[in-house]
């Protein structure tokens, strides 16, 4: 990560590369998988909503509105002691 900081956004003020859009095609015989979102524990709803709103305002993600994607993996909140909580994608069910 330190070798390519512009790609990874190592500094907290950096987002890495932005404005890059790509389209992926699945290999023949592979189907996409949609895994519904998990319920957020009541005590963490504000944290998750604030993080998502911050990402939307920063242009990191965009809202899909009412659209349901053909593939998705749920988010999970990773909390480390004495650190800001992080939202991570849980690929445990949908990848490999």
C-alpha atoms as a PDB file:
ATOM      1  CA  UNK A   1       0.000   0.000   0.000  1.00  0.00           C
ATOM      2  CA  UNK A   2       2.826   2.386   0.776  1.00  0.00           C
ATOM      3  CA  UNK A   3       4.374   1.626  -2.639  1.00  0.00           C
ATOM      4  CA  UNK A   4       1.277   2.901  -4.517  1.00  0.00           C
ATOM      5  CA  UNK A   5      -0.400   5.416  -2.172  1.00  0.00           C
ATOM      6  CA  UNK A   6      -2.303   7.156  -4.995  1.00  0.00           C
ATOM      7  CA  UNK A   7      -4.090   3.866  -5.748  1.00  0.00           C
ATOM      8  CA  UNK A   8      -4.916   2.842  -2.214  1.00  0.00           C
ATOM      9  CA  UNK A   9      -5.671   6.084  -0.378  1.00  0.00           C
ATOM     10  CA  UNK A  10      -3.255   5.287   2.462  1.00  0.00           C
ATOM     11  CA  UNK A  11      -3.586   8.759   3.954  1.00  0.00           C
ATOM     12  CA  UNK A  12      -6.882   9.390   5.720  1.00  0.00           C
ATOM     13  CA  UNK A  13      -7.459  12.482   3.570  1.00  0.00           C
ATOM     14  CA  UNK A  14      -6.984  10.531   0.352  1.00  0.00           C
ATOM     15  CA  UNK A  15      -9.539   8.370  -1.416  1.00  0.00           C
ATOM     16  CA  UNK A  16      -7.149   6.864  -3.934  1.00  0.00           C
ATOM     17  CA  UNK A  17      -8.313   6.987  -7.547  1.00  0.00           C
ATOM     18  CA  UNK A  18     -11.722   8.531  -8.087  1.00  0.00           C
ATOM     19  CA  UNK A  19     -13.907   8.939 -11.131  1.00  0.00           C
ATOM     20  CA  UNK A  20     -12.825   5.561 -12.515  1.00  0.00           C
ATOM     21  CA  UNK A  21     -15.673   3.460 -13.884  1.00  0.00           C
ATOM     22  CA  UNK A  22     -15.342  -0.101 -15.104  1.00  0.00           C
ATOM     23  CA  UNK A  23     -17.650  -2.829 -16.315  1.00  0.00           C
ATOM     24  CA  UNK A  24     -17.029  -6.475 -15.508  1.00  0.00           C
ATOM     25  CA  UNK A  25     -18.239  -9.519 -17.374  1.00  0.00           C
ATOM     26  CA  UNK A  26     -18.691 -12.900 -15.721  1.00  0.00           C
ATOM     27  CA  UNK A  27     -16.988 -15.951 -17.131  1.00  0.00           C
ATOM     28  CA  UNK A  28     -19.191 -18.344 -19.128  1.00  0.00           C
ATOM     29  CA  UNK A  29     -21.206 -20.594 -16.812  1.00  0.00           C
ATOM     30  CA  UNK A  30     -20.851 -18.241 -13.831  1.00  0.00           C
ATOM     31  CA  UNK A  31     -23.931 -16.523 -12.447  1.00  0.00           C
ATOM     32  CA  UNK A  32     -24.063 -13.465 -10.243  1.00  0.00           C
ATOM     33  CA  UNK A  33     -25.252 -13.851  -6.669  1.00  0.00           C
ATOM     34  CA  UNK A  34     -27.421 -11.486  -4.666  1.00  0.00           C
ATOM     35  CA  UNK A  35     -27.082 -11.752  -0.892  1.00  0.00           C
ATOM     36  CA  UNK A  36     -29.548  -9.492   0.942  1.00  0.00           C
ATOM     37  CA  UNK A  37     -28.423  -6.952   3.497  1.00  0.00           C
ATOM     38  CA  UNK A  38     -28.276  -7.997   7.122  1.00  0.00           C
ATOM     39  CA  UNK A  39     -30.067  -6.139   9.864  1.00  0.00           C
ATOM     40  CA  UNK A  40     -27.897  -3.561  11.594  1.00  0.00           C
ATOM     41  CA  UNK A  41     -27.922  -3.865  15.402  1.00  0.00           C
ATOM     42  CA  UNK A  42     -30.025  -1.056  16.878  1.00  0.00           C
ATOM     43  CA  UNK A  43     -27.092   0.545  18.700  1.00  0.00           C
ATOM     44  CA  UNK A  44     -25.079   0.848  15.474  1.00  0.00           C
ATOM     45  CA  UNK A  45     -27.738   2.215  13.082  1.00  0.00           C
ATOM     46  CA  UNK A  46     -26.621   5.843  13.489  1.00  0.00           C
ATOM     47  CA  UNK A  47     -22.955   4.929  12.938  1.00  0.00           C
ATOM     48  CA  UNK A  48     -23.746   2.985   9.752  1.00  0.00           C
ATOM     49  CA  UNK A  49     -26.133   5.649   8.415  1.00  0.00           C
ATOM     50  CA  UNK A  50     -23.583   8.407   9.095  1.00  0.00           C
ATOM     51  CA  UNK A  51     -20.813   6.481   7.323  1.00  0.00           C
ATOM     52  CA  UNK A  52     -23.022   5.752   4.300  1.00  0.00           C
ATOM     53  CA  UNK A  53     -24.173   9.383   4.091  1.00  0.00           C
ATOM     54  CA  UNK A  54     -20.550  10.548   4.342  1.00  0.00           C
ATOM     55  CA  UNK A  55     -19.608   8.227   1.446  1.00  0.00           C
ATOM     56  CA  UNK A  56     -22.548   9.445  -0.657  1.00  0.00           C
ATOM     57  CA  UNK A  57     -21.671  13.108  -0.028  1.00  0.00           C
ATOM     58  CA  UNK A  58     -18.006  12.408  -0.860  1.00  0.00           C
ATOM     59  CA  UNK A  59     -18.928  10.672  -4.114  1.00  0.00           C
ATOM     60  CA  UNK A  60     -17.486   7.327  -2.988  1.00  0.00           C
ATOM     61  CA  UNK A  61     -20.810   5.535  -3.452  1.00  0.00           C
ATOM     62  CA  UNK A  62     -24.153   6.467  -4.941  1.00  0.00           C
ATOM     63  CA  UNK A  63     -27.650   5.526  -3.935  1.00  0.00           C
ATOM     64  CA  UNK A  64     -29.455   3.025  -6.145  1.00  0.00           C
ATOM     65  CA  UNK A  65     -32.834   4.319  -5.001  1.00  0.00           C
ATOM     66  CA  UNK A  66     -35.418   1.574  -5.482  1.00  0.00           C
ATOM     67  CA  UNK A  67     -33.292  -0.392  -7.949  1.00  0.00           C
ATOM     68  CA  UNK A  68     -32.373  -3.921  -6.849  1.00  0.00           C
ATOM     69  CA  UNK A  69     -28.967  -4.988  -8.202  1.00  0.00           C
ATOM     70  CA  UNK A  70     -28.416  -8.416  -9.737  1.00  0.00           C
ATOM     71  CA  UNK A  71     -25.465  -9.052  -7.435  1.00  0.00           C
ATOM     72  CA  UNK A  72     -24.618  -7.769  -3.974  1.00  0.00           C
ATOM     73  CA  UNK A  73     -22.745  -8.682  -0.814  1.00  0.00           C
ATOM     74  CA  UNK A  74     -23.779  -7.427   2.628  1.00  0.00           C
ATOM     75  CA  UNK A  75     -21.884  -4.834   4.619  1.00  0.00           C
ATOM     76  CA  UNK A  76     -20.627  -5.481   8.108  1.00  0.00           C
ATOM     77  CA  UNK A  77     -19.369  -3.105  10.760  1.00  0.00           C
ATOM     78  CA  UNK A  78     -15.819  -3.817  11.899  1.00  0.00           C
ATOM     79  CA  UNK A  79     -15.013  -2.325  15.263  1.00  0.00           C
ATOM     80  CA  UNK A  80     -11.514  -2.300  16.655  1.00  0.00           C
ATOM     81  CA  UNK A  81     -10.734  -1.115  20.146  1.00  0.00           C
ATOM     82  CA  UNK A  82      -9.872   2.606  20.272  1.00  0.00           C
ATOM     83  CA  UNK A  83     -10.411   3.008  16.511  1.00  0.00           C
ATOM     84  CA  UNK A  84     -13.165   4.477  14.363  1.00  0.00           C
ATOM     85  CA  UNK A  85     -15.627   1.779  13.174  1.00  0.00           C
ATOM     86  CA  UNK A  86     -15.251   0.696   9.542  1.00  0.00           C
ATOM     87  CA  UNK A  87     -17.794  -0.626   7.074  1.00  0.00           C
ATOM     88  CA  UNK A  88     -16.516  -3.663   5.197  1.00  0.00           C
ATOM     89  CA  UNK A  89     -18.045  -5.860   2.515  1.00  0.00           C
ATOM     90  CA  UNK A  90     -18.609  -9.444   3.680  1.00  0.00           C
ATOM     91  CA  UNK A  91     -17.703 -11.678   0.740  1.00  0.00           C
ATOM     92  CA  UNK A  92     -17.830 -14.895   2.813  1.00  0.00           C
ATOM     93  CA  UNK A  93     -21.048 -16.151   1.192  1.00  0.00           C
ATOM     94  CA  UNK A  94     -20.788 -14.824  -2.336  1.00  0.00           C
ATOM     95  CA  UNK A  95     -17.193 -15.360  -3.443  1.00  0.00           C
ATOM     96  CA  UNK A  96     -15.756 -18.793  -4.199  1.00  0.00           C
END
